[in-house]
PDB file of N, CA and C in Angstrom:
ATOM      1  N   MET A   1    -105.164 100.991  -7.611  1.00  0.00           N
ATOM      2  CA  MET A   1    -105.559 102.243  -6.986  1.00  0.00           C
ATOM      3  C   MET A   1    -105.136 103.403  -7.880  1.00  0.00           C
ATOM      4  N   THR A   2    -106.031 104.337  -8.125  1.00  0.00           N
ATOM      5  CA  THR A   2    -105.749 105.488  -8.968  1.00  0.00           C
ATOM      6  C   THR A   2    -105.216 106.643  -8.125  1.00  0.00           C
ATOM      7  N   ASP A   3    -104.158 107.270  -8.593  1.00  0.00           N
ATOM      8  CA  ASP A   3    -103.632 108.451  -7.899  1.00  0.00           C
ATOM      9  C   ASP A   3    -104.593 109.614  -8.064  1.00  0.00           C
ATOM     10  N   LYS A   4    -104.752 110.405  -7.008  1.00  0.00           N
ATOM     11  CA  LYS A   4    -105.595 111.591  -7.064  1.00  0.00           C
ATOM     12  C   LYS A   4    -104.799 112.758  -7.631  1.00  0.00           C
ATOM     13  N   ILE A   5    -105.445 113.585  -8.421  1.00  0.00           N
ATOM     14  CA  ILE A   5    -104.810 114.796  -8.929  1.00  0.00           C
ATOM     15  C   ILE A   5    -104.720 115.787  -7.780  1.00  0.00           C
ATOM     16  N   VAL A   6    -103.522 116.306  -7.539  1.00  0.00           N
ATOM     17  CA  VAL A   6    -103.323 117.255  -6.451  1.00  0.00           C
ATOM     18  C   VAL A   6    -102.861 118.623  -6.949  1.00  0.00           C
ATOM     19  N   SER A   7    -102.591 118.731  -8.260  1.00  0.00           N
ATOM     20  CA  SER A   7    -102.115 119.999  -8.784  1.00  0.00           C
ATOM     21  C   SER A   7    -102.327 120.063 -10.291  1.00  0.00           C
ATOM     22  N   VAL A   8    -102.610 121.252 -10.766  1.00  0.00           N
ATOM     23  CA  VAL A   8    -102.683 121.530 -12.199  1.00  0.00           C
ATOM     24  C   VAL A   8    -101.865 122.786 -12.417  1.00  0.00           C
ATOM     25  N   GLY A   9    -101.026 122.790 -13.434  1.00  0.00           N
ATOM     26  CA  GLY A   9    -100.170 123.947 -13.647  1.00  0.00           C
ATOM     27  C   GLY A   9    -100.088 124.351 -15.097  1.00  0.00           C
ATOM     28  N   LEU A  10     -99.704 125.589 -15.304  1.00  0.00           N
ATOM     29  CA  LEU A  10     -99.433 126.100 -16.640  1.00  0.00           C
ATOM     30  C   LEU A  10     -97.920 126.217 -16.775  1.00  0.00           C
ATOM     31  N   LEU A  11     -97.363 125.511 -17.734  1.00  0.00           N
ATOM     32  CA  LEU A  11     -95.915 125.460 -17.901  1.00  0.00           C
ATOM     33  C   LEU A  11     -95.502 126.111 -19.207  1.00  0.00           C
ATOM     34  N   THR A  12     -94.340 126.725 -19.178  1.00  0.00           N
ATOM     35  CA  THR A  12     -93.745 127.246 -20.400  1.00  0.00           C
ATOM     36  C   THR A  12     -92.897 126.148 -21.033  1.00  0.00           C
ATOM     37  N   GLN A  13     -92.464 126.354 -22.243  1.00  0.00           N
ATOM     38  CA  GLN A  13     -91.573 125.391 -22.883  1.00  0.00           C
ATOM     39  C   GLN A  13     -90.298 125.246 -22.071  1.00  0.00           C
ATOM     40  N   ARG A  14     -89.828 126.343 -21.503  1.00  0.00           N
ATOM     41  CA  ARG A  14     -88.614 126.287 -20.663  1.00  0.00           C
ATOM     42  C   ARG A  14     -88.847 125.390 -19.450  1.00  0.00           C
ATOM     43  N   ASP A  15     -90.035 125.503 -18.828  1.00  0.00           N
ATOM     44  CA  ASP A  15     -90.369 124.635 -17.699  1.00  0.00           C
ATOM     45  C   ASP A  15     -90.279 123.168 -18.106  1.00  0.00           C
ATOM     46  N   LEU A  16     -90.853 122.833 -19.255  1.00  0.00           N
ATOM     47  CA  LEU A  16     -90.807 121.446 -19.732  1.00  0.00           C
ATOM     48  C   LEU A  16     -89.378 120.995 -20.005  1.00  0.00           C
ATOM     49  N   ASP A  17     -88.582 121.900 -20.553  1.00  0.00           N
ATOM     50  CA  ASP A  17     -87.185 121.568 -20.818  1.00  0.00           C
ATOM     51  C   ASP A  17     -86.447 121.254 -19.513  1.00  0.00           C
ATOM     52  N   VAL A  18     -86.723 122.039 -18.462  1.00  0.00           N
ATOM     53  CA  VAL A  18     -86.073 121.825 -17.165  1.00  0.00           C
ATOM     54  C   VAL A  18     -86.535 120.506 -16.549  1.00  0.00           C
ATOM     55  N   LEU A  19     -87.814 120.181 -16.689  1.00  0.00           N
ATOM     56  CA  LEU A  19     -88.337 118.932 -16.128  1.00  0.00           C
ATOM     57  C   LEU A  19     -87.775 117.708 -16.843  1.00  0.00           C
ATOM     58  N   GLY A  20     -87.446 117.865 -18.105  1.00  0.00           N
ATOM     59  CA  GLY A  20     -86.811 116.782 -18.850  1.00  0.00           C
ATOM     60  C   GLY A  20     -87.789 115.800 -19.475  1.00  0.00           C
ATOM     61  N   THR A  21     -87.231 114.820 -20.118  1.00  0.00           N
ATOM     62  CA  THR A  21     -88.034 113.876 -20.895  1.00  0.00           C
ATOM     63  C   THR A  21     -88.824 112.904 -20.027  1.00  0.00           C
ATOM     64  N   SER A  22     -88.500 112.810 -18.747  1.00  0.00           N
ATOM     65  CA  SER A  22     -89.257 111.897 -17.881  1.00  0.00           C
ATOM     66  C   SER A  22     -90.623 112.466 -17.502  1.00  0.00           C
ATOM     67  N   PHE A  23     -90.821 113.767 -17.697  1.00  0.00           N
ATOM     68  CA  PHE A  23     -92.122 114.384 -17.412  1.00  0.00           C
ATOM     69  C   PHE A  23     -92.987 114.252 -18.664  1.00  0.00           C
ATOM     70  N   THR A  24     -93.865 113.260 -18.664  1.00  0.00           N
ATOM     71  CA  THR A  24     -94.619 112.942 -19.880  1.00  0.00           C
ATOM     72  C   THR A  24     -96.115 113.212 -19.761  1.00  0.00           C
ATOM     73  N   ARG A  25     -96.599 113.558 -18.585  1.00  0.00           N
ATOM     74  CA  ARG A  25     -98.038 113.729 -18.410  1.00  0.00           C
ATOM     75  C   ARG A  25     -98.430 115.196 -18.520  1.00  0.00           C
ATOM     76  N   HIS A  26     -98.125 115.788 -19.637  1.00  0.00           N
ATOM     77  CA  HIS A  26     -98.564 117.159 -19.902  1.00  0.00           C
ATOM     78  C   HIS A  26     -99.427 117.147 -21.160  1.00  0.00           C
ATOM     79  N   PHE A  27    -100.288 118.116 -21.247  1.00  0.00           N
ATOM     80  CA  PHE A  27    -101.203 118.208 -22.374  1.00  0.00           C
ATOM     81  C   PHE A  27    -101.021 119.585 -23.017  1.00  0.00           C
ATOM     82  N   PRO A  28    -100.401 119.646 -24.185  1.00  0.00           N
ATOM     83  CA  PRO A  28    -100.115 120.927 -24.833  1.00  0.00           C
ATOM     84  C   PRO A  28    -101.388 121.726 -25.125  1.00  0.00           C
ATOM     85  N   VAL A  29    -101.268 123.034 -24.972  1.00  0.00           N
ATOM     86  CA  VAL A  29    -102.361 123.956 -25.288  1.00  0.00           C
ATOM     87  C   VAL A  29    -102.143 124.444 -26.720  1.00  0.00           C
ATOM     88  N   PRO A  30    -103.170 124.331 -27.569  1.00  0.00           N
ATOM     89  CA  PRO A  30    -102.999 124.796 -28.950  1.00  0.00           C
ATOM     90  C   PRO A  30    -102.761 126.304 -29.006  1.00  0.00           C
ATOM     91  N   ARG A  31    -101.968 126.725 -29.955  1.00  0.00           N
ATOM     92  CA  ARG A  31    -101.667 128.153 -30.127  1.00  0.00           C
ATOM     93  C   ARG A  31    -102.660 128.780 -31.097  1.00  0.00           C
ATOM     94  N   ASP A  32    -103.930 128.729 -30.730  1.00  0.00           N
ATOM     95  CA  ASP A  32    -104.953 129.289 -31.614  1.00  0.00           C
ATOM     96  C   ASP A  32    -105.723 130.436 -30.951  1.00  0.00           C
ATOM     97  N   ASN A  33    -105.173 130.986 -29.893  1.00  0.00           N
ATOM     98  CA  ASN A  33    -105.737 132.128 -29.166  1.00  0.00           C
ATOM     99  C   ASN A  33    -107.011 131.795 -28.404  1.00  0.00           C
ATOM    100  N   SER A  34    -107.422 130.520 -28.328  1.00  0.00           N
ATOM    101  CA  SER A  34    -108.650 130.196 -27.600  1.00  0.00           C
ATOM    102  C   SER A  34    -108.524 130.397 -26.100  1.00  0.00           C
ATOM    103  N   PHE A  35    -107.292 130.388 -25.583  1.00  0.00           N
ATOM    104  CA  PHE A  35    -107.093 130.526 -24.143  1.00  0.00           C
ATOM    105  C   PHE A  35    -106.575 131.912 -23.752  1.00  0.00           C
ATOM    106  N   ASP A  36    -106.491 132.830 -24.693  1.00  0.00           N
ATOM    107  CA  ASP A  36    -105.933 134.151 -24.401  1.00  0.00           C
ATOM    108  C   ASP A  36    -106.666 134.862 -23.269  1.00  0.00           C
ATOM    109  N   ASP A  37    -107.998 134.827 -23.285  1.00  0.00           N
ATOM    110  CA  ASP A  37    -108.766 135.521 -22.251  1.00  0.00           C
ATOM    111  C   ASP A  37    -108.522 134.899 -20.883  1.00  0.00           C
ATOM    112  N   LEU A  38    -108.526 133.579 -20.808  1.00  0.00           N
ATOM    113  CA  LEU A  38    -108.274 132.890 -19.543  1.00  0.00           C
ATOM    114  C   LEU A  38    -106.875 133.212 -19.025  1.00  0.00           C
ATOM    115  N   LEU A  39    -105.863 133.149 -19.884  1.00  0.00           N
ATOM    116  CA  LEU A  39    -104.497 133.432 -19.467  1.00  0.00           C
ATOM    117  C   LEU A  39    -104.343 134.881 -19.009  1.00  0.00           C
ATOM    118  N   ARG A  40    -105.000 135.798 -19.682  1.00  0.00           N
ATOM    119  CA  ARG A  40    -104.960 137.209 -19.290  1.00  0.00           C
ATOM    120  C   ARG A  40    -105.574 137.389 -17.893  1.00  0.00           C
ATOM    121  N   GLN A  41    -106.694 136.715 -17.633  1.00  0.00           N
ATOM    122  CA  GLN A  41    -107.327 136.807 -16.317  1.00  0.00           C
ATOM    123  C   GLN A  41    -106.446 136.203 -15.228  1.00  0.00           C
ATOM    124  N   LEU A  42    -105.796 135.084 -15.525  1.00  0.00           N
ATOM    125  CA  LEU A  42    -104.892 134.477 -14.543  1.00  0.00           C
ATOM    126  C   LEU A  42    -103.707 135.390 -14.249  1.00  0.00           C
ATOM    127  N   ASP A  43    -103.181 136.062 -15.270  1.00  0.00           N
ATOM    128  CA  ASP A  43    -102.087 137.018 -15.058  1.00  0.00           C
ATOM    129  C   ASP A  43    -102.536 138.156 -14.152  1.00  0.00           C
ATOM    130  N   GLN A  44    -103.770 138.627 -14.323  1.00  0.00           N
ATOM    131  CA  GLN A  44    -104.294 139.719 -13.486  1.00  0.00           C
ATOM    132  C   GLN A  44    -104.434 139.277 -12.034  1.00  0.00           C
ATOM    133  N   VAL A  45    -104.840 138.037 -11.813  1.00  0.00           N
ATOM    134  CA  VAL A  45    -104.945 137.516 -10.451  1.00  0.00           C
ATOM    135  C   VAL A  45    -103.570 137.486  -9.806  1.00  0.00           C
ATOM    136  N   ASP A  46    -102.580 137.019 -10.544  1.00  0.00           N
ATOM    137  CA  ASP A  46    -101.220 136.977 -10.007  1.00  0.00           C
ATOM    138  C   ASP A  46    -100.716 138.355  -9.643  1.00  0.00           C
ATOM    139  N   MET A  47    -101.003 139.353 -10.463  1.00  0.00           N
ATOM    140  CA  MET A  47    -100.524 140.709 -10.202  1.00  0.00           C
ATOM    141  C   MET A  47    -101.244 141.345  -9.013  1.00  0.00           C
ATOM    142  N   ALA A  48    -102.494 140.965  -8.771  1.00  0.00           N
ATOM    143  CA  ALA A  48    -103.283 141.553  -7.688  1.00  0.00           C
ATOM    144  C   ALA A  48    -102.997 140.908  -6.338  1.00  0.00           C
ATOM    145  N   ARG A  49    -102.442 139.714  -6.335  1.00  0.00           N
ATOM    146  CA  ARG A  49    -102.196 138.988  -5.090  1.00  0.00           C
ATOM    147  C   ARG A  49    -100.977 139.562  -4.382  1.00  0.00           C
ATOM    148  N   PRO A  50    -101.128 139.910  -3.087  1.00  0.00           N
ATOM    149  CA  PRO A  50     -99.957 140.421  -2.362  1.00  0.00           C
ATOM    150  C   PRO A  50     -98.921 139.312  -2.160  1.00  0.00           C
ATOM    151  N   VAL A  51     -97.680 139.704  -2.117  1.00  0.00           N
ATOM    152  CA  VAL A  51     -96.598 138.751  -1.901  1.00  0.00           C
ATOM    153  C   VAL A  51     -96.560 138.411  -0.419  1.00  0.00           C
ATOM    154  N   ALA A  52     -96.619 137.141  -0.101  1.00  0.00           N
ATOM    155  CA  ALA A  52     -96.633 136.692   1.290  1.00  0.00           C
ATOM    156  C   ALA A  52     -95.237 136.779   1.890  1.00  0.00           C
ATOM    157  N   GLU A  53     -95.205 137.082   3.162  1.00  0.00           N
ATOM    158  CA  GLU A  53     -93.941 137.072   3.891  1.00  0.00           C
ATOM    159  C   GLU A  53     -93.510 135.618   4.071  1.00  0.00           C
ATOM    160  N   PRO A  54     -92.232 135.331   3.919  1.00  0.00           N
ATOM    161  CA  PRO A  54     -91.784 133.956   4.151  1.00  0.00           C
ATOM    162  C   PRO A  54     -91.997 133.559   5.609  1.00  0.00           C
ATOM    163  N   ARG A  55     -92.391 132.318   5.831  1.00  0.00           N
ATOM    164  CA  ARG A  55     -92.596 131.837   7.190  1.00  0.00           C
ATOM    165  C   ARG A  55     -91.259 131.445   7.808  1.00  0.00           C
ATOM    166  N   ARG A  56     -91.100 131.780   9.048  1.00  0.00           N
ATOM    167  CA  ARG A  56     -89.887 131.383   9.753  1.00  0.00           C
ATOM    168  C   ARG A  56     -90.113 130.041  10.409  1.00  0.00           C
ATOM    169  N   LEU A  57     -89.147 129.190  10.314  1.00  0.00           N
ATOM    170  CA  LEU A  57     -89.273 127.845  10.846  1.00  0.00           C
ATOM    171  C   LEU A  57     -88.791 127.719  12.280  1.00  0.00           C
ATOM    172  N   TYR A  58     -88.377 128.819  12.893  1.00  0.00           N
ATOM    173  CA  TYR A  58     -87.899 128.741  14.269  1.00  0.00           C
ATOM    174  C   TYR A  58     -88.690 129.642  15.159  1.00  0.00           C
TER     175      TYR A  58
END
């Protein structure tokens, strides 16, 4: 049975360092500026999104 993909993320080198050597299923993005426009657009989405209030569990 194949596991379904449930998440895709953009990680920094620091993120990978924190996850450690057991996290092996990442695919490095080349540093050739091909993704600059996409990353810039994703940053704009993050800045435009309002911060949600934390949900209370009680």
